[in-house]
Amino acid sequence: MASDATFVDYVLEQMHGAGALVSRKMFGEYAIYCDQKVVALVCDNELFVKVTAQGRSFLDKASQPILLAPPYPSAKNSFLIQDQLDDREWLAQLIRLTADALPAPRPKKPAKPKEA
């Protein structure tokens, strides 16, 4: 089942304040970018946040249960965010910590000129 854009818009709204947020549709699901880094996926209308040490520490300190699940078959486990999705400040902080922990995206290689 593909995710719907309304749910993705809601997720982005809940993350407001974490940084520059953008979603991109991919294969019927969505990738969530914060400051040009993929920090989360929305699959089957569920939010999966990339696992980082900072994110795990934040979840431990907040006494939140850590649910790990793959967003799609054969994917690495991610933090599955369920009940906490309605807590804007909490979610924005988790996304900000996750984005800060991830490496900067690699620069794109310039396109090769087409041969005539």
PDB file of N, CA and C in Angstrom:
ATOM      1  N   MET A   1       0.847  -1.176   0.000  1.00  0.00           N
ATOM      2  CA  MET A   1       0.000   0.000   0.000  1.00  0.00           C
ATOM      3  C   MET A   1       0.890   1.234   0.000  1.00  0.00           C
ATOM      4  N   ALA A   2       0.670   2.125  -0.896  1.00  0.00           N
ATOM      5  CA  ALA A   2       1.460   3.349  -0.978  1.00  0.00           C
ATOM      6  C   ALA A   2       0.980   4.378   0.043  1.00  0.00           C
ATOM      7  N   SER A   3       1.887   5.225   0.455  1.00  0.00           N
ATOM      8  CA  SER A   3       1.548   6.297   1.396  1.00  0.00           C
ATOM      9  C   SER A   3       0.836   7.413   0.648  1.00  0.00           C
ATOM     10  N   ASP A   4      -0.005   8.161   1.373  1.00  0.00           N
ATOM     11  CA  ASP A   4      -0.683   9.263   0.699  1.00  0.00           C
ATOM     12  C   ASP A   4      -0.056  10.595   1.085  1.00  0.00           C
ATOM     13  N   ALA A   5      -0.160  11.547   0.170  1.00  0.00           N
ATOM     14  CA  ALA A   5       0.480  12.852   0.325  1.00  0.00           C
ATOM     15  C   ALA A   5      -0.056  13.608   1.536  1.00  0.00           C
ATOM     16  N   THR A   6      -1.297  13.396   1.899  1.00  0.00           N
ATOM     17  CA  THR A   6      -1.884  14.075   3.060  1.00  0.00           C
ATOM     18  C   THR A   6      -1.147  13.681   4.339  1.00  0.00           C
ATOM     19  N   PHE A   7      -0.854  12.394   4.485  1.00  0.00           N
ATOM     20  CA  PHE A   7      -0.124  11.930   5.661  1.00  0.00           C
ATOM     21  C   PHE A   7       1.285  12.506   5.670  1.00  0.00           C
ATOM     22  N   VAL A   8       1.935  12.537   4.532  1.00  0.00           N
ATOM     23  CA  VAL A   8       3.296  13.075   4.442  1.00  0.00           C
ATOM     24  C   VAL A   8       3.291  14.563   4.813  1.00  0.00           C
ATOM     25  N   ASP A   9       2.296  15.306   4.340  1.00  0.00           N
ATOM     26  CA  ASP A   9       2.190  16.727   4.700  1.00  0.00           C
ATOM     27  C   ASP A   9       2.026  16.893   6.207  1.00  0.00           C
ATOM     28  N   TYR A  10       1.239  16.023   6.820  1.00  0.00           N
ATOM     29  CA  TYR A  10       1.057  16.063   8.270  1.00  0.00           C
ATOM     30  C   TYR A  10       2.384  15.808   8.992  1.00  0.00           C
ATOM     31  N   VAL A  11       3.129  14.815   8.532  1.00  0.00           N
ATOM     32  CA  VAL A  11       4.426  14.482   9.136  1.00  0.00           C
ATOM     33  C   VAL A  11       5.368  15.682   9.031  1.00  0.00           C
ATOM     34  N   LEU A  12       5.426  16.307   7.866  1.00  0.00           N
ATOM     35  CA  LEU A  12       6.294  17.471   7.679  1.00  0.00           C
ATOM     36  C   LEU A  12       5.871  18.618   8.593  1.00  0.00           C
ATOM     37  N   GLU A  13       4.589  18.800   8.757  1.00  0.00           N
ATOM     38  CA  GLU A  13       4.064  19.826   9.661  1.00  0.00           C
ATOM     39  C   GLU A  13       4.516  19.560  11.100  1.00  0.00           C
ATOM     40  N   GLN A  14       4.464  18.290  11.496  1.00  0.00           N
ATOM     41  CA  GLN A  14       4.856  17.912  12.850  1.00  0.00           C
ATOM     42  C   GLN A  14       6.356  18.103  13.083  1.00  0.00           C
ATOM     43  N   MET A  15       7.159  18.050  12.021  1.00  0.00           N
ATOM     44  CA  MET A  15       8.610  18.199  12.131  1.00  0.00           C
ATOM     45  C   MET A  15       9.056  19.657  12.035  1.00  0.00           C
ATOM     46  N   HIS A  16       8.118  20.567  11.828  1.00  0.00           N
ATOM     47  CA  HIS A  16       8.440  21.975  11.627  1.00  0.00           C
ATOM     48  C   HIS A  16       9.401  22.478  12.704  1.00  0.00           C
ATOM     49  N   GLY A  17      10.437  23.163  12.271  1.00  0.00           N
ATOM     50  CA  GLY A  17      11.431  23.686  13.197  1.00  0.00           C
ATOM     51  C   GLY A  17      12.698  22.850  13.266  1.00  0.00           C
ATOM     52  N   ALA A  18      12.687  21.680  12.647  1.00  0.00           N
ATOM     53  CA  ALA A  18      13.867  20.808  12.682  1.00  0.00           C
ATOM     54  C   ALA A  18      14.955  21.277  11.720  1.00  0.00           C
ATOM     55  N   GLY A  19      14.570  21.980  10.678  1.00  0.00           N
ATOM     56  CA  GLY A  19      15.501  22.420   9.641  1.00  0.00           C
ATOM     57  C   GLY A  19      14.744  22.565   8.340  1.00  0.00           C
ATOM     58  N   ALA A  20      15.476  22.619   7.235  1.00  0.00           N
ATOM     59  CA  ALA A  20      14.863  22.726   5.913  1.00  0.00           C
ATOM     60  C   ALA A  20      14.332  21.355   5.507  1.00  0.00           C
ATOM     61  N   LEU A  21      13.016  21.208   5.523  1.00  0.00           N
ATOM     62  CA  LEU A  21      12.377  19.909   5.274  1.00  0.00           C
ATOM     63  C   LEU A  21      11.798  19.832   3.877  1.00  0.00           C
ATOM     64  N   VAL A  22      11.995  18.682   3.252  1.00  0.00           N
ATOM     65  CA  VAL A  22      11.474  18.413   1.914  1.00  0.00           C
ATOM     66  C   VAL A  22      11.106  16.941   1.845  1.00  0.00           C
ATOM     67  N   SER A  23      10.052  16.625   1.115  1.00  0.00           N
ATOM     68  CA  SER A  23       9.725  15.220   0.864  1.00  0.00           C
ATOM     69  C   SER A  23       9.840  14.954  -0.632  1.00  0.00           C
ATOM     70  N   ARG A  24      10.224  13.739  -0.957  1.00  0.00           N
ATOM     71  CA  ARG A  24      10.310  13.321  -2.367  1.00  0.00           C
ATOM     72  C   ARG A  24       9.667  11.963  -2.504  1.00  0.00           C
ATOM     73  N   LYS A  25       8.782  11.871  -3.479  1.00  0.00           N
ATOM     74  CA  LYS A  25       8.092  10.614  -3.727  1.00  0.00           C
ATOM     75  C   LYS A  25       9.052   9.643  -4.409  1.00  0.00           C
ATOM     76  N   MET A  26       9.082   8.417  -3.896  1.00  0.00           N
ATOM     77  CA  MET A  26       9.956   7.386  -4.458  1.00  0.00           C
ATOM     78  C   MET A  26       9.231   6.054  -4.425  1.00  0.00           C
ATOM     79  N   PHE A  27       8.914   5.525  -5.569  1.00  0.00           N
ATOM     80  CA  PHE A  27       8.299   4.203  -5.683  1.00  0.00           C
ATOM     81  C   PHE A  27       7.001   4.093  -4.878  1.00  0.00           C
ATOM     82  N   GLY A  28       6.212   5.143  -4.843  1.00  0.00           N
ATOM     83  CA  GLY A  28       4.940   5.133  -4.138  1.00  0.00           C
ATOM     84  C   GLY A  28       5.055   5.478  -2.672  1.00  0.00           C
ATOM     85  N   GLU A  29       6.271   5.609  -2.175  1.00  0.00           N
ATOM     86  CA  GLU A  29       6.520   5.991  -0.790  1.00  0.00           C
ATOM     87  C   GLU A  29       7.279   7.311  -0.803  1.00  0.00           C
ATOM     88  N   TYR A  30       7.705   7.788   0.357  1.00  0.00           N
ATOM     89  CA  TYR A  30       8.335   9.107   0.437  1.00  0.00           C
ATOM     90  C   TYR A  30       9.606   9.073   1.267  1.00  0.00           C
ATOM     91  N   ALA A  31      10.601   9.837   0.822  1.00  0.00           N
ATOM     92  CA  ALA A  31      11.804  10.095   1.608  1.00  0.00           C
ATOM     93  C   ALA A  31      11.654  11.497   2.187  1.00  0.00           C
ATOM     94  N   ILE A  32      12.029  11.659   3.455  1.00  0.00           N
ATOM     95  CA  ILE A  32      11.992  12.960   4.115  1.00  0.00           C
ATOM     96  C   ILE A  32      13.434  13.441   4.268  1.00  0.00           C
ATOM     97  N   TYR A  33      13.700  14.629   3.765  1.00  0.00           N
ATOM     98  CA  TYR A  33      15.022  15.234   3.846  1.00  0.00           C
ATOM     99  C   TYR A  33      14.990  16.375   4.850  1.00  0.00           C
ATOM    100  N   CYS A  34      16.031  16.482   5.643  1.00  0.00           N
ATOM    101  CA  CYS A  34      16.234  17.628   6.526  1.00  0.00           C
ATOM    102  C   CYS A  34      17.620  18.169   6.209  1.00  0.00           C
ATOM    103  N   ASP A  35      17.678  19.408   5.772  1.00  0.00           N
ATOM    104  CA  ASP A  35      18.950  20.022   5.386  1.00  0.00           C
ATOM    105  C   ASP A  35      19.692  19.156   4.367  1.00  0.00           C
ATOM    106  N   GLN A  36      18.966  18.672   3.380  1.00  0.00           N
ATOM    107  CA  GLN A  36      19.467  17.889   2.245  1.00  0.00           C
ATOM    108  C   GLN A  36      19.964  16.499   2.615  1.00  0.00           C
ATOM    109  N   LYS A  37      19.621  16.015   3.808  1.00  0.00           N
ATOM    110  CA  LYS A  37      19.999  14.673   4.240  1.00  0.00           C
ATOM    111  C   LYS A  37      18.744  13.842   4.419  1.00  0.00           C
ATOM    112  N   VAL A  38      18.746  12.607   3.919  1.00  0.00           N
ATOM    113  CA  VAL A  38      17.600  11.729   4.130  1.00  0.00           C
ATOM    114  C   VAL A  38      17.602  11.309   5.594  1.00  0.00           C
ATOM    115  N   VAL A  39      16.569  11.730   6.319  1.00  0.00           N
ATOM    116  CA  VAL A  39      16.487  11.415   7.747  1.00  0.00           C
ATOM    117  C   VAL A  39      15.394  10.412   8.062  1.00  0.00           C
ATOM    118  N   ALA A  40      14.437  10.264   7.141  1.00  0.00           N
ATOM    119  CA  ALA A  40      13.302   9.388   7.433  1.00  0.00           C
ATOM    120  C   ALA A  40      12.632   8.940   6.144  1.00  0.00           C
ATOM    121  N   LEU A  41      11.841   7.900   6.279  1.00  0.00           N
ATOM    122  CA  LEU A  41      11.006   7.407   5.183  1.00  0.00           C
ATOM    123  C   LEU A  41       9.575   7.304   5.684  1.00  0.00           C
ATOM    124  N   VAL A  42       8.643   7.548   4.792  1.00  0.00           N
ATOM    125  CA  VAL A  42       7.237   7.293   5.087  1.00  0.00           C
ATOM    126  C   VAL A  42       6.834   6.147   4.166  1.00  0.00           C
ATOM    127  N   CYS A  43       6.497   5.023   4.774  1.00  0.00           N
ATOM    128  CA  CYS A  43       6.106   3.826   4.028  1.00  0.00           C
ATOM    129  C   CYS A  43       4.803   3.299   4.625  1.00  0.00           C
ATOM    130  N   ASP A  44       3.833   3.043   3.781  1.00  0.00           N
ATOM    131  CA  ASP A  44       2.519   2.562   4.233  1.00  0.00           C
ATOM    132  C   ASP A  44       1.949   3.464   5.328  1.00  0.00           C
ATOM    133  N   ASN A  45       2.116   4.766   5.144  1.00  0.00           N
ATOM    134  CA  ASN A  45       1.623   5.776   6.097  1.00  0.00           C
ATOM    135  C   ASN A  45       2.155   5.561   7.513  1.00  0.00           C
ATOM    136  N   GLU A  46       3.407   5.147   7.606  1.00  0.00           N
ATOM    137  CA  GLU A  46       4.107   5.046   8.883  1.00  0.00           C
ATOM    138  C   GLU A  46       5.444   5.764   8.735  1.00  0.00           C
ATOM    139  N   LEU A  47       5.907   6.376   9.833  1.00  0.00           N
ATOM    140  CA  LEU A  47       7.155   7.131   9.817  1.00  0.00           C
ATOM    141  C   LEU A  47       8.299   6.292  10.366  1.00  0.00           C
ATOM    142  N   PHE A  48       9.363   6.188   9.576  1.00  0.00           N
ATOM    143  CA  PHE A  48      10.567   5.456   9.953  1.00  0.00           C
ATOM    144  C   PHE A  48      11.741   6.437   9.927  1.00  0.00           C
ATOM    145  N   VAL A  49      12.383   6.654  11.079  1.00  0.00           N
ATOM    146  CA  VAL A  49      13.504   7.592  11.193  1.00  0.00           C
ATOM    147  C   VAL A  49      14.800   6.796  11.228  1.00  0.00           C
ATOM    148  N   LYS A  50      15.802   7.282  10.492  1.00  0.00           N
ATOM    149  CA  LYS A  50      17.096   6.596  10.462  1.00  0.00           C
ATOM    150  C   LYS A  50      17.664   6.451  11.869  1.00  0.00           C
ATOM    151  N   VAL A  51      18.308   5.334  12.105  1.00  0.00           N
ATOM    152  CA  VAL A  51      18.921   5.062  13.397  1.00  0.00           C
ATOM    153  C   VAL A  51      20.274   5.764  13.479  1.00  0.00           C
ATOM    154  N   THR A  52      20.455   6.534  14.547  1.00  0.00           N
ATOM    155  CA  THR A  52      21.747   7.144  14.863  1.00  0.00           C
ATOM    156  C   THR A  52      21.968   6.983  16.367  1.00  0.00           C
ATOM    157  N   ALA A  53      23.214   7.091  16.785  1.00  0.00           N
ATOM    158  CA  ALA A  53      23.516   7.008  18.221  1.00  0.00           C
ATOM    159  C   ALA A  53      22.838   8.152  18.970  1.00  0.00           C
ATOM    160  N   GLN A  54      22.818   9.333  18.363  1.00  0.00           N
ATOM    161  CA  GLN A  54      22.188  10.490  19.004  1.00  0.00           C
ATOM    162  C   GLN A  54      20.682  10.280  19.134  1.00  0.00           C
ATOM    163  N   GLY A  55      20.064   9.723  18.125  1.00  0.00           N
ATOM    164  CA  GLY A  55      18.633   9.436  18.180  1.00  0.00           C
ATOM    165  C   GLY A  55      18.309   8.401  19.242  1.00  0.00           C
ATOM    166  N   ARG A  56      19.134   7.366  19.331  1.00  0.00           N
ATOM    167  CA  ARG A  56      18.923   6.318  20.335  1.00  0.00           C
ATOM    168  C   ARG A  56      19.065   6.902  21.744  1.00  0.00           C
ATOM    169  N   SER A  57      20.069   7.739  21.943  1.00  0.00           N
ATOM    170  CA  SER A  57      20.281   8.376  23.245  1.00  0.00           C
ATOM    171  C   SER A  57      19.088   9.276  23.604  1.00  0.00           C
ATOM    172  N   PHE A  58      18.592  10.019  22.622  1.00  0.00           N
ATOM    173  CA  PHE A  58      17.427  10.886  22.841  1.00  0.00           C
ATOM    174  C   PHE A  58      16.206  10.065  23.247  1.00  0.00           C
ATOM    175  N   LEU A  59      15.982   8.964  22.567  1.00  0.00           N
ATOM    176  CA  LEU A  59      14.841   8.109  22.895  1.00  0.00           C
ATOM    177  C   LEU A  59      14.998   7.492  24.282  1.00  0.00           C
ATOM    178  N   ASP A  60      16.223   7.099  24.630  1.00  0.00           N
ATOM    179  CA  ASP A  60      16.480   6.542  25.964  1.00  0.00           C
ATOM    180  C   ASP A  60      16.199   7.578  27.054  1.00  0.00           C
ATOM    181  N   LYS A  61      16.703   8.804  26.869  1.00  0.00           N
ATOM    182  CA  LYS A  61      16.523   9.867  27.871  1.00  0.00           C
ATOM    183  C   LYS A  61      15.062  10.272  28.010  1.00  0.00           C
ATOM    184  N   ALA A  62      14.317  10.210  26.911  1.00  0.00           N
ATOM    185  CA  ALA A  62      12.907  10.608  26.937  1.00  0.00           C
ATOM    186  C   ALA A  62      12.026   9.471  27.455  1.00  0.00           C
ATOM    187  N   SER A  63      12.637   8.357  27.807  1.00  0.00           N
ATOM    188  CA  SER A  63      11.900   7.173  28.288  1.00  0.00           C
ATOM    189  C   SER A  63      10.842   6.723  27.281  1.00  0.00           C
ATOM    190  N   GLN A  64      11.166   6.868  26.014  1.00  0.00           N
ATOM    191  CA  GLN A  64      10.259   6.416  24.959  1.00  0.00           C
ATOM    192  C   GLN A  64      10.653   4.995  24.556  1.00  0.00           C
ATOM    193  N   PRO A  65       9.674   4.165  24.304  1.00  0.00           N
ATOM    194  CA  PRO A  65      10.022   2.817  23.822  1.00  0.00           C
ATOM    195  C   PRO A  65      10.687   2.922  22.454  1.00  0.00           C
ATOM    196  N   ILE A  66      11.712   2.137  22.276  1.00  0.00           N
ATOM    197  CA  ILE A  66      12.416   2.147  20.991  1.00  0.00           C
ATOM    198  C   ILE A  66      11.873   1.000  20.155  1.00  0.00           C
ATOM    199  N   LEU A  67      11.118   1.359  19.154  1.00  0.00           N
ATOM    200  CA  LEU A  67      10.588   0.359  18.228  1.00  0.00           C
ATOM    201  C   LEU A  67      11.438   0.381  16.973  1.00  0.00           C
ATOM    202  N   LEU A  68      12.002  -0.755  16.630  1.00  0.00           N
ATOM    203  CA  LEU A  68      12.798  -0.879  15.408  1.00  0.00           C
ATOM    204  C   LEU A  68      12.062  -1.764  14.429  1.00  0.00           C
ATOM    205  N   ALA A  69      12.018  -1.314  13.181  1.00  0.00           N
ATOM    206  CA  ALA A  69      11.373  -2.101  12.134  1.00  0.00           C
ATOM    207  C   ALA A  69      11.916  -1.639  10.791  1.00  0.00           C
ATOM    208  N   PRO A  70      11.937  -2.525   9.823  1.00  0.00           N
ATOM    209  CA  PRO A  70      12.360  -2.112   8.481  1.00  0.00           C
ATOM    210  C   PRO A  70      11.202  -1.412   7.763  1.00  0.00           C
ATOM    211  N   PRO A  71      11.478  -0.313   7.069  1.00  0.00           N
ATOM    212  CA  PRO A  71      10.407   0.389   6.352  1.00  0.00           C
ATOM    213  C   PRO A  71       9.859  -0.405   5.155  1.00  0.00           C
ATOM    214  N   TYR A  72      10.655  -1.305   4.630  1.00  0.00           N
ATOM    215  CA  TYR A  72      10.240  -2.169   3.528  1.00  0.00           C
ATOM    216  C   TYR A  72      11.084  -3.438   3.608  1.00  0.00           C
ATOM    217  N   PRO A  73      10.655  -4.518   2.970  1.00  0.00           N
ATOM    218  CA  PRO A  73      11.405  -5.778   3.050  1.00  0.00           C
ATOM    219  C   PRO A  73      12.866  -5.601   2.628  1.00  0.00           C
ATOM    220  N   SER A  74      13.740  -6.207   3.348  1.00  0.00           N
ATOM    221  CA  SER A  74      15.193  -6.224   3.146  1.00  0.00           C
ATOM    222  C   SER A  74      15.880  -4.897   3.481  1.00  0.00           C
ATOM    223  N   ALA A  75      15.166  -3.939   4.044  1.00  0.00           N
ATOM    224  CA  ALA A  75      15.772  -2.665   4.458  1.00  0.00           C
ATOM    225  C   ALA A  75      16.353  -2.811   5.861  1.00  0.00           C
ATOM    226  N   LYS A  76      17.277  -1.912   6.193  1.00  0.00           N
ATOM    227  CA  LYS A  76      17.808  -1.863   7.551  1.00  0.00           C
ATOM    228  C   LYS A  76      16.710  -1.374   8.489  1.00  0.00           C
ATOM    229  N   ASN A  77      16.794  -1.771   9.748  1.00  0.00           N
ATOM    230  CA  ASN A  77      15.824  -1.295  10.730  1.00  0.00           C
ATOM    231  C   ASN A  77      15.942   0.213  10.927  1.00  0.00           C
ATOM    232  N   SER A  78      14.808   0.829  11.186  1.00  0.00           N
ATOM    233  CA  SER A  78      14.715   2.255  11.503  1.00  0.00           C
ATOM    234  C   SER A  78      13.867   2.396  12.754  1.00  0.00           C
ATOM    235  N   PHE A  79      13.913   3.596  13.368  1.00  0.00           N
ATOM    236  CA  PHE A  79      13.019   3.865  14.483  1.00  0.00           C
ATOM    237  C   PHE A  79      11.612   4.036  13.923  1.00  0.00           C
ATOM    238  N   LEU A  80      10.678   3.238  14.387  1.00  0.00           N
ATOM    239  CA  LEU A  80       9.284   3.355  13.958  1.00  0.00           C
ATOM    240  C   LEU A  80       8.596   4.306  14.941  1.00  0.00           C
ATOM    241  N   ILE A  81       8.137   5.425  14.432  1.00  0.00           N
ATOM    242  CA  ILE A  81       7.514   6.447  15.270  1.00  0.00           C
ATOM    243  C   ILE A  81       6.002   6.303  15.150  1.00  0.00           C
ATOM    244  N   GLN A  82       5.353   6.065  16.276  1.00  0.00           N
ATOM    245  CA  GLN A  82       3.903   5.869  16.262  1.00  0.00           C
ATOM    246  C   GLN A  82       3.221   6.903  17.150  1.00  0.00           C
ATOM    247  N   ASP A  83       3.076   6.624  18.427  1.00  0.00           N
ATOM    248  CA  ASP A  83       2.346   7.508  19.335  1.00  0.00           C
ATOM    249  C   ASP A  83       2.982   8.891  19.445  1.00  0.00           C
ATOM    250  N   GLN A  84       4.289   8.984  19.313  1.00  0.00           N
ATOM    251  CA  GLN A  84       4.988  10.255  19.475  1.00  0.00           C
ATOM    252  C   GLN A  84       4.825  11.176  18.273  1.00  0.00           C
ATOM    253  N   LEU A  85       4.206  10.703  17.220  1.00  0.00           N
ATOM    254  CA  LEU A  85       4.045  11.503  16.010  1.00  0.00           C
ATOM    255  C   LEU A  85       3.267  12.790  16.277  1.00  0.00           C
ATOM    256  N   ASP A  86       2.413  12.793  17.279  1.00  0.00           N
ATOM    257  CA  ASP A  86       1.606  13.969  17.585  1.00  0.00           C
ATOM    258  C   ASP A  86       2.342  14.993  18.441  1.00  0.00           C
ATOM    259  N   ASP A  87       3.529  14.668  18.934  1.00  0.00           N
ATOM    260  CA  ASP A  87       4.305  15.581  19.769  1.00  0.00           C
ATOM    261  C   ASP A  87       5.300  16.333  18.884  1.00  0.00           C
ATOM    262  N   ARG A  88       4.919  17.526  18.448  1.00  0.00           N
ATOM    263  CA  ARG A  88       5.716  18.304  17.495  1.00  0.00           C
ATOM    264  C   ARG A  88       7.133  18.590  17.987  1.00  0.00           C
ATOM    265  N   GLU A  89       7.253  19.090  19.204  1.00  0.00           N
ATOM    266  CA  GLU A  89       8.576  19.456  19.725  1.00  0.00           C
ATOM    267  C   GLU A  89       9.481  18.237  19.823  1.00  0.00           C
ATOM    268  N   TRP A  90       8.932  17.142  20.310  1.00  0.00           N
ATOM    269  CA  TRP A  90       9.703  15.913  20.459  1.00  0.00           C
ATOM    270  C   TRP A  90      10.187  15.418  19.102  1.00  0.00           C
ATOM    271  N   LEU A  91       9.273  15.384  18.125  1.00  0.00           N
ATOM    272  CA  LEU A  91       9.615  14.875  16.792  1.00  0.00           C
ATOM    273  C   LEU A  91      10.623  15.790  16.102  1.00  0.00           C
ATOM    274  N   ALA A  92      10.431  17.101  16.197  1.00  0.00           N
ATOM    275  CA  ALA A  92      11.374  18.039  15.578  1.00  0.00           C
ATOM    276  C   ALA A  92      12.766  17.876  16.178  1.00  0.00           C
ATOM    277  N   GLN A  93      12.831  17.653  17.481  1.00  0.00           N
ATOM    278  CA  GLN A  93      14.136  17.468  18.121  1.00  0.00           C
ATOM    279  C   GLN A  93      14.800  16.173  17.656  1.00  0.00           C
ATOM    280  N   LEU A  94      14.030  15.093  17.546  1.00  0.00           N
ATOM    281  CA  LEU A  94      14.591  13.826  17.052  1.00  0.00           C
ATOM    282  C   LEU A  94      15.115  13.989  15.631  1.00  0.00           C
ATOM    283  N   ILE A  95      14.369  14.665  14.789  1.00  0.00           N
ATOM    284  CA  ILE A  95      14.788  14.862  13.390  1.00  0.00           C
ATOM    285  C   ILE A  95      16.031  15.741  13.327  1.00  0.00           C
ATOM    286  N   ARG A  96      16.084  16.789  14.125  1.00  0.00           N
ATOM    287  CA  ARG A  96      17.256  17.671  14.154  1.00  0.00           C
ATOM    288  C   ARG A  96      18.495  16.897  14.593  1.00  0.00           C
ATOM    289  N   LEU A  97      18.378  16.100  15.653  1.00  0.00           N
ATOM    290  CA  LEU A  97      19.505  15.284  16.126  1.00  0.00           C
ATOM    291  C   LEU A  97      19.946  14.289  15.061  1.00  0.00           C
ATOM    292  N   THR A  98      18.982  13.698  14.384  1.00  0.00           N
ATOM    293  CA  THR A  98      19.293  12.719  13.330  1.00  0.00           C
ATOM    294  C   THR A  98      20.027  13.390  12.181  1.00  0.00           C
ATOM    295  N   ALA A  99      19.533  14.531  11.734  1.00  0.00           N
ATOM    296  CA  ALA A  99      20.174  15.254  10.626  1.00  0.00           C
ATOM    297  C   ALA A  99      21.599  15.671  11.001  1.00  0.00           C
ATOM    298  N   ASP A 100      21.774  16.151  12.227  1.00  0.00           N
ATOM    299  CA  ASP A 100      23.106  16.572  12.668  1.00  0.00           C
ATOM    300  C   ASP A 100      24.089  15.402  12.716  1.00  0.00           C
ATOM    301  N   ALA A 101      23.590  14.203  12.993  1.00  0.00           N
ATOM    302  CA  ALA A 101      24.456  13.027  13.118  1.00  0.00           C
ATOM    303  C   ALA A 101      24.844  12.422  11.772  1.00  0.00           C
ATOM    304  N   LEU A 102      24.079  12.718  10.743  1.00  0.00           N
ATOM    305  CA  LEU A 102      24.340  12.117   9.428  1.00  0.00           C
ATOM    306  C   LEU A 102      25.379  12.923   8.655  1.00  0.00           C
ATOM    307  N   PRO A 103      26.170  12.245   7.822  1.00  0.00           N
ATOM    308  CA  PRO A 103      27.166  12.966   7.028  1.00  0.00           C
ATOM    309  C   PRO A 103      26.509  13.834   5.962  1.00  0.00           C
ATOM    310  N   ALA A 104      27.218  14.845   5.548  1.00  0.00           N
ATOM    311  CA  ALA A 104      26.726  15.715   4.470  1.00  0.00           C
ATOM    312  C   ALA A 104      26.600  14.896   3.189  1.00  0.00           C
ATOM    313  N   PRO A 105      25.628  15.236   2.356  1.00  0.00           N
ATOM    314  CA  PRO A 105      25.491  14.491   1.095  1.00  0.00           C
ATOM    315  C   PRO A 105      26.713  14.708   0.204  1.00  0.00           C
ATOM    316  N   ARG A 106      27.032  13.689  -0.535  1.00  0.00           N
ATOM    317  CA  ARG A 106      28.163  13.793  -1.463  1.00  0.00           C
ATOM    318  C   ARG A 106      27.808  14.763  -2.582  1.00  0.00           C
ATOM    319  N   PRO A 107      28.780  15.547  -3.024  1.00  0.00           N
ATOM    320  CA  PRO A 107      28.492  16.447  -4.153  1.00  0.00           C
ATOM    321  C   PRO A 107      28.201  15.629  -5.402  1.00  0.00           C
ATOM    322  N   LYS A 108      27.263  16.119  -6.175  1.00  0.00           N
ATOM    323  CA  LYS A 108      26.922  15.407  -7.417  1.00  0.00           C
ATOM    324  C   LYS A 108      28.016  15.640  -8.454  1.00  0.00           C
ATOM    325  N   LYS A 109      28.293  14.579  -9.197  1.00  0.00           N
ATOM    326  CA  LYS A 109      29.280  14.681 -10.262  1.00  0.00           C
ATOM    327  C   LYS A 109      28.660  15.471 -11.415  1.00  0.00           C
ATOM    328  N   PRO A 110      29.469  16.311 -12.066  1.00  0.00           N
ATOM    329  CA  PRO A 110      28.912  17.040 -13.202  1.00  0.00           C
ATOM    330  C   PRO A 110      28.525  16.083 -14.327  1.00  0.00           C
ATOM    331  N   ALA A 111      27.469  16.399 -15.005  1.00  0.00           N
ATOM    332  CA  ALA A 111      27.002  15.551 -16.104  1.00  0.00           C
ATOM    333  C   ALA A 111      28.005  15.589 -17.238  1.00  0.00           C
ATOM    334  N   LYS A 112      28.212  14.421 -17.827  1.00  0.00           N
ATOM    335  CA  LYS A 112      29.129  14.370 -18.972  1.00  0.00           C
ATOM    336  C   LYS A 112      28.435  14.976 -20.175  1.00  0.00           C
ATOM    337  N   PRO A 113      29.160  15.744 -20.946  1.00  0.00           N
ATOM    338  CA  PRO A 113      28.542  16.334 -22.147  1.00  0.00           C
ATOM    339  C   PRO A 113      28.170  15.236 -23.140  1.00  0.00           C
ATOM    340  N   LYS A 114      27.051  15.434 -23.786  1.00  0.00           N
ATOM    341  CA  LYS A 114      26.607  14.459 -24.791  1.00  0.00           C
ATOM    342  C   LYS A 114      27.454  14.592 -26.038  1.00  0.00           C
ATOM    343  N   GLU A 115      27.818  13.410 -26.570  1.00  0.00           N
ATOM    344  CA  GLU A 115      28.615  13.428 -27.796  1.00  0.00           C
ATOM    345  C   GLU A 115      27.687  13.555 -28.985  1.00  0.00           C
ATOM    346  N   ALA A 116      28.115  14.308 -29.963  1.00  0.00           N
ATOM    347  CA  ALA A 116      27.289  14.536 -31.156  1.00  0.00           C
ATOM    348  C   ALA A 116      27.401  13.420 -32.138  1.00  0.00           C
TER     349      ALA A 116
END
